[in-house]
Amino acid sequence: MATFVRTQAIEHKIGASGRLNLSVTSADVVVRGVEGGDARIGANFSIRASSEEEADRVFADVQMVVDKRDGVLTVEEPDEHGGLSAMVGR
């Protein structure tokens, strides 16, 4: 099986005093505060699959769950069902 890389880009204007809620279990998380009112998140996925098409299907199922509200961005890992952690490394 080959490894395919996919990236989920998430952006939302939360304002200078906005709130970002990030809920992940990966140890490979880097958080950096910058000036401005935009929150930007890049979630990289390494997917083991037999084809690009299969990797795309897996990526569609494992993307981060995003909730954008006025002044708030919430990003969470999806509930894991069916052993997805065996196919995906974040």
N, C-alpha and C. Protein backbone atom coordinates (compact mmCIF):
# COMPACT_ATOMS: atom_id res chain seq x y z
N MET A 1 0.84 -1.18 0.00
CA MET A 1 0.00 0.00 0.00
C MET A 1 0.88 1.24 0.00
N ALA A 2 0.46 2.23 -0.73
CA ALA A 2 1.19 3.49 -0.81
C ALA A 2 0.66 4.46 0.25
N THR A 3 1.44 5.51 0.48
CA THR A 3 1.02 6.57 1.40
C THR A 3 0.74 7.83 0.58
N PHE A 4 -0.43 8.40 0.80
CA PHE A 4 -0.87 9.60 0.10
C PHE A 4 -1.04 10.71 1.13
N VAL A 5 -0.65 11.91 0.78
CA VAL A 5 -0.75 13.05 1.69
C VAL A 5 -1.89 13.96 1.24
N ARG A 6 -2.72 14.33 2.20
CA ARG A 6 -3.81 15.26 1.96
C ARG A 6 -3.76 16.35 3.03
N THR A 7 -4.16 17.58 2.69
CA THR A 7 -4.16 18.69 3.63
C THR A 7 -5.53 19.33 3.67
N GLN A 8 -6.03 19.54 4.88
CA GLN A 8 -7.29 20.26 5.09
C GLN A 8 -6.93 21.66 5.58
N ALA A 9 -7.30 22.68 4.83
CA ALA A 9 -7.04 24.07 5.20
C ALA A 9 -8.31 24.67 5.79
N ILE A 10 -8.17 25.25 6.98
CA ILE A 10 -9.32 25.84 7.67
C ILE A 10 -8.96 27.28 8.01
N GLU A 11 -9.82 28.22 7.61
CA GLU A 11 -9.61 29.63 7.92
C GLU A 11 -10.92 30.24 8.38
N HIS A 12 -10.81 31.15 9.36
CA HIS A 12 -12.01 31.84 9.86
C HIS A 12 -11.59 33.12 10.56
N LYS A 13 -12.29 34.19 10.30
CA LYS A 13 -12.01 35.46 10.98
C LYS A 13 -12.69 35.42 12.34
N ILE A 14 -11.87 35.44 13.41
CA ILE A 14 -12.41 35.41 14.77
C ILE A 14 -12.23 36.75 15.48
N GLY A 15 -11.46 37.64 14.89
CA GLY A 15 -11.22 38.94 15.51
C GLY A 15 -10.06 38.89 16.49
N ALA A 16 -9.60 40.06 16.91
CA ALA A 16 -8.43 40.15 17.78
C ALA A 16 -8.66 39.52 19.15
N SER A 17 -9.89 39.46 19.61
CA SER A 17 -10.16 38.86 20.92
C SER A 17 -11.01 37.59 20.78
N GLY A 18 -10.95 36.96 19.60
CA GLY A 18 -11.73 35.75 19.35
C GLY A 18 -11.18 34.54 20.07
N ARG A 19 -11.85 33.41 19.88
CA ARG A 19 -11.48 32.18 20.58
C ARG A 19 -11.32 31.04 19.58
N LEU A 20 -10.25 30.28 19.76
CA LEU A 20 -10.00 29.06 18.99
C LEU A 20 -10.06 27.88 19.93
N ASN A 21 -10.95 26.93 19.65
CA ASN A 21 -11.02 25.68 20.40
C ASN A 21 -10.49 24.57 19.50
N LEU A 22 -9.38 23.97 19.89
CA LEU A 22 -8.75 22.91 19.09
C LEU A 22 -8.67 21.66 19.95
N SER A 23 -9.32 20.59 19.49
CA SER A 23 -9.38 19.35 20.25
C SER A 23 -8.83 18.21 19.40
N VAL A 24 -7.57 17.83 19.66
CA VAL A 24 -6.93 16.75 18.92
C VAL A 24 -6.14 15.89 19.90
N THR A 25 -5.84 14.67 19.49
CA THR A 25 -5.07 13.77 20.35
C THR A 25 -3.64 13.59 19.86
N SER A 26 -3.31 14.13 18.71
CA SER A 26 -1.98 13.97 18.15
C SER A 26 -0.95 14.77 18.94
N ALA A 27 0.24 14.20 19.07
CA ALA A 27 1.34 14.90 19.72
C ALA A 27 2.04 15.85 18.76
N ASP A 28 1.69 15.83 17.51
CA ASP A 28 2.34 16.67 16.50
C ASP A 28 1.56 17.93 16.22
N VAL A 29 1.22 18.68 17.27
CA VAL A 29 0.45 19.90 17.12
C VAL A 29 1.34 21.08 17.47
N VAL A 30 1.33 22.08 16.61
CA VAL A 30 2.07 23.31 16.86
C VAL A 30 1.07 24.46 16.83
N VAL A 31 1.03 25.25 17.89
CA VAL A 31 0.14 26.40 17.96
C VAL A 31 1.01 27.65 18.06
N ARG A 32 0.70 28.63 17.21
CA ARG A 32 1.48 29.86 17.20
C ARG A 32 0.52 31.04 17.09
N GLY A 33 0.62 31.96 18.01
CA GLY A 33 -0.19 33.17 17.97
C GLY A 33 0.46 34.20 17.07
N VAL A 34 -0.36 34.86 16.27
CA VAL A 34 0.14 35.91 15.38
C VAL A 34 -0.81 37.10 15.46
N GLU A 35 -0.34 38.25 15.00
CA GLU A 35 -1.17 39.45 14.98
C GLU A 35 -2.29 39.30 13.97
N GLY A 36 -3.39 39.96 14.23
CA GLY A 36 -4.51 39.92 13.30
C GLY A 36 -5.67 39.14 13.86
N GLY A 37 -6.74 39.09 13.10
CA GLY A 37 -7.95 38.46 13.58
C GLY A 37 -8.36 37.19 12.85
N ASP A 38 -7.44 36.63 12.04
CA ASP A 38 -7.75 35.41 11.31
C ASP A 38 -7.13 34.19 11.98
N ALA A 39 -7.91 33.13 12.11
CA ALA A 39 -7.38 31.85 12.59
C ALA A 39 -7.16 30.97 11.37
N ARG A 40 -5.98 30.35 11.30
CA ARG A 40 -5.65 29.46 10.17
C ARG A 40 -5.13 28.15 10.73
N ILE A 41 -5.68 27.06 10.21
CA ILE A 41 -5.25 25.73 10.63
C ILE A 41 -5.00 24.89 9.39
N GLY A 42 -3.87 24.20 9.38
CA GLY A 42 -3.57 23.25 8.33
C GLY A 42 -3.45 21.87 8.96
N ALA A 43 -4.31 20.96 8.57
CA ALA A 43 -4.28 19.59 9.10
C ALA A 43 -3.76 18.69 7.99
N ASN A 44 -2.61 18.08 8.22
CA ASN A 44 -1.99 17.19 7.23
C ASN A 44 -2.29 15.74 7.58
N PHE A 45 -2.66 14.98 6.57
CA PHE A 45 -3.02 13.57 6.75
C PHE A 45 -2.14 12.71 5.85
N SER A 46 -1.51 11.69 6.42
CA SER A 46 -0.79 10.67 5.66
C SER A 46 -1.70 9.44 5.62
N ILE A 47 -2.17 9.10 4.44
CA ILE A 47 -3.19 8.07 4.29
C ILE A 47 -2.61 6.88 3.55
N ARG A 48 -2.68 5.71 4.16
CA ARG A 48 -2.28 4.47 3.50
C ARG A 48 -3.46 3.95 2.69
N ALA A 49 -3.24 3.85 1.38
CA ALA A 49 -4.32 3.41 0.50
C ALA A 49 -3.71 2.78 -0.74
N SER A 50 -4.54 2.06 -1.49
CA SER A 50 -4.07 1.39 -2.70
C SER A 50 -4.17 2.26 -3.95
N SER A 51 -4.89 3.42 -3.85
CA SER A 51 -5.04 4.29 -5.01
C SER A 51 -5.36 5.71 -4.55
N GLU A 52 -5.21 6.67 -5.47
CA GLU A 52 -5.58 8.06 -5.18
C GLU A 52 -7.07 8.14 -4.82
N GLU A 53 -7.90 7.39 -5.54
CA GLU A 53 -9.34 7.42 -5.31
C GLU A 53 -9.68 6.92 -3.90
N GLU A 54 -9.02 5.85 -3.48
CA GLU A 54 -9.26 5.33 -2.13
C GLU A 54 -8.79 6.34 -1.09
N ALA A 55 -7.65 6.97 -1.33
CA ALA A 55 -7.14 7.99 -0.41
C ALA A 55 -8.11 9.15 -0.30
N ASP A 56 -8.70 9.56 -1.41
CA ASP A 56 -9.69 10.64 -1.39
C ASP A 56 -10.92 10.26 -0.57
N ARG A 57 -11.37 9.01 -0.69
CA ARG A 57 -12.54 8.54 0.08
C ARG A 57 -12.22 8.54 1.58
N VAL A 58 -11.04 8.04 1.94
CA VAL A 58 -10.64 8.02 3.35
C VAL A 58 -10.54 9.45 3.88
N PHE A 59 -9.90 10.33 3.10
CA PHE A 59 -9.74 11.73 3.51
C PHE A 59 -11.09 12.39 3.78
N ALA A 60 -12.07 12.11 2.94
CA ALA A 60 -13.41 12.67 3.14
C ALA A 60 -14.01 12.23 4.47
N ASP A 61 -13.67 11.04 4.93
CA ASP A 61 -14.21 10.50 6.18
C ASP A 61 -13.47 10.96 7.43
N VAL A 62 -12.20 11.36 7.31
CA VAL A 62 -11.39 11.62 8.50
C VAL A 62 -11.07 13.09 8.71
N GLN A 63 -11.59 13.97 7.86
CA GLN A 63 -11.29 15.39 8.03
C GLN A 63 -11.78 15.91 9.38
N MET A 64 -11.13 16.97 9.82
CA MET A 64 -11.50 17.60 11.07
C MET A 64 -12.93 18.14 10.97
N VAL A 65 -13.64 18.12 12.09
CA VAL A 65 -14.99 18.66 12.17
C VAL A 65 -14.85 20.14 12.56
N VAL A 66 -15.44 21.02 11.75
CA VAL A 66 -15.24 22.46 11.92
C VAL A 66 -16.57 23.14 12.23
N ASP A 67 -16.54 24.02 13.25
CA ASP A 67 -17.70 24.84 13.59
C ASP A 67 -17.23 26.29 13.62
N LYS A 68 -17.76 27.11 12.69
CA LYS A 68 -17.40 28.52 12.60
C LYS A 68 -18.57 29.35 13.10
N ARG A 69 -18.29 30.16 14.11
CA ARG A 69 -19.30 31.07 14.66
C ARG A 69 -18.69 32.46 14.78
N ASP A 70 -19.51 33.43 15.09
CA ASP A 70 -19.03 34.79 15.24
C ASP A 70 -18.02 34.86 16.38
N GLY A 71 -16.75 35.11 16.03
CA GLY A 71 -15.70 35.24 17.04
C GLY A 71 -15.16 33.94 17.59
N VAL A 72 -15.61 32.80 17.06
CA VAL A 72 -15.18 31.49 17.59
C VAL A 72 -14.95 30.51 16.45
N LEU A 73 -13.86 29.77 16.55
CA LEU A 73 -13.59 28.65 15.64
C LEU A 73 -13.33 27.42 16.48
N THR A 74 -14.10 26.36 16.25
CA THR A 74 -13.91 25.09 16.94
C THR A 74 -13.54 24.03 15.91
N VAL A 75 -12.43 23.32 16.19
CA VAL A 75 -11.94 22.27 15.29
C VAL A 75 -11.67 21.04 16.14
N GLU A 76 -12.27 19.91 15.75
CA GLU A 76 -12.14 18.67 16.50
C GLU A 76 -11.89 17.50 15.56
N GLU A 77 -11.26 16.47 16.11
CA GLU A 77 -11.13 15.24 15.36
C GLU A 77 -12.51 14.58 15.28
N PRO A 78 -12.80 13.90 14.18
CA PRO A 78 -14.09 13.19 14.10
C PRO A 78 -14.07 11.99 15.05
N ASP A 79 -15.27 11.52 15.39
CA ASP A 79 -15.35 10.27 16.15
C ASP A 79 -14.76 9.17 15.29
N GLU A 80 -13.90 8.36 15.89
CA GLU A 80 -13.27 7.30 15.11
C GLU A 80 -14.10 6.02 15.19
N HIS A 81 -14.52 5.57 14.02
CA HIS A 81 -15.28 4.32 13.90
C HIS A 81 -14.62 3.47 12.83
N GLY A 82 -14.65 2.20 13.00
CA GLY A 82 -14.17 1.30 11.97
C GLY A 82 -12.67 1.24 11.79
N GLY A 83 -11.91 1.58 12.84
CA GLY A 83 -10.47 1.43 12.77
C GLY A 83 -9.78 2.41 11.85
N LEU A 84 -10.28 3.61 11.71
CA LEU A 84 -9.66 4.59 10.83
C LEU A 84 -8.25 4.93 11.28
N SER A 85 -7.98 4.85 12.58
CA SER A 85 -6.64 5.20 13.06
C SER A 85 -5.58 4.28 12.49
N ALA A 86 -5.96 3.10 12.07
CA ALA A 86 -5.01 2.17 11.46
C ALA A 86 -4.64 2.61 10.04
N MET A 87 -5.52 3.37 9.38
CA MET A 87 -5.26 3.78 8.00
C MET A 87 -4.68 5.18 7.90
N VAL A 88 -4.87 6.00 8.93
CA VAL A 88 -4.51 7.41 8.83
C VAL A 88 -3.52 7.78 9.92
N GLY A 89 -2.51 8.53 9.55
CA GLY A 89 -1.60 9.13 10.52
C GLY A 89 -1.67 10.63 10.37
N ARG A 90 -1.81 11.33 11.48
CA ARG A 90 -1.90 12.79 11.39
C ARG A 90 -0.60 13.37 11.86
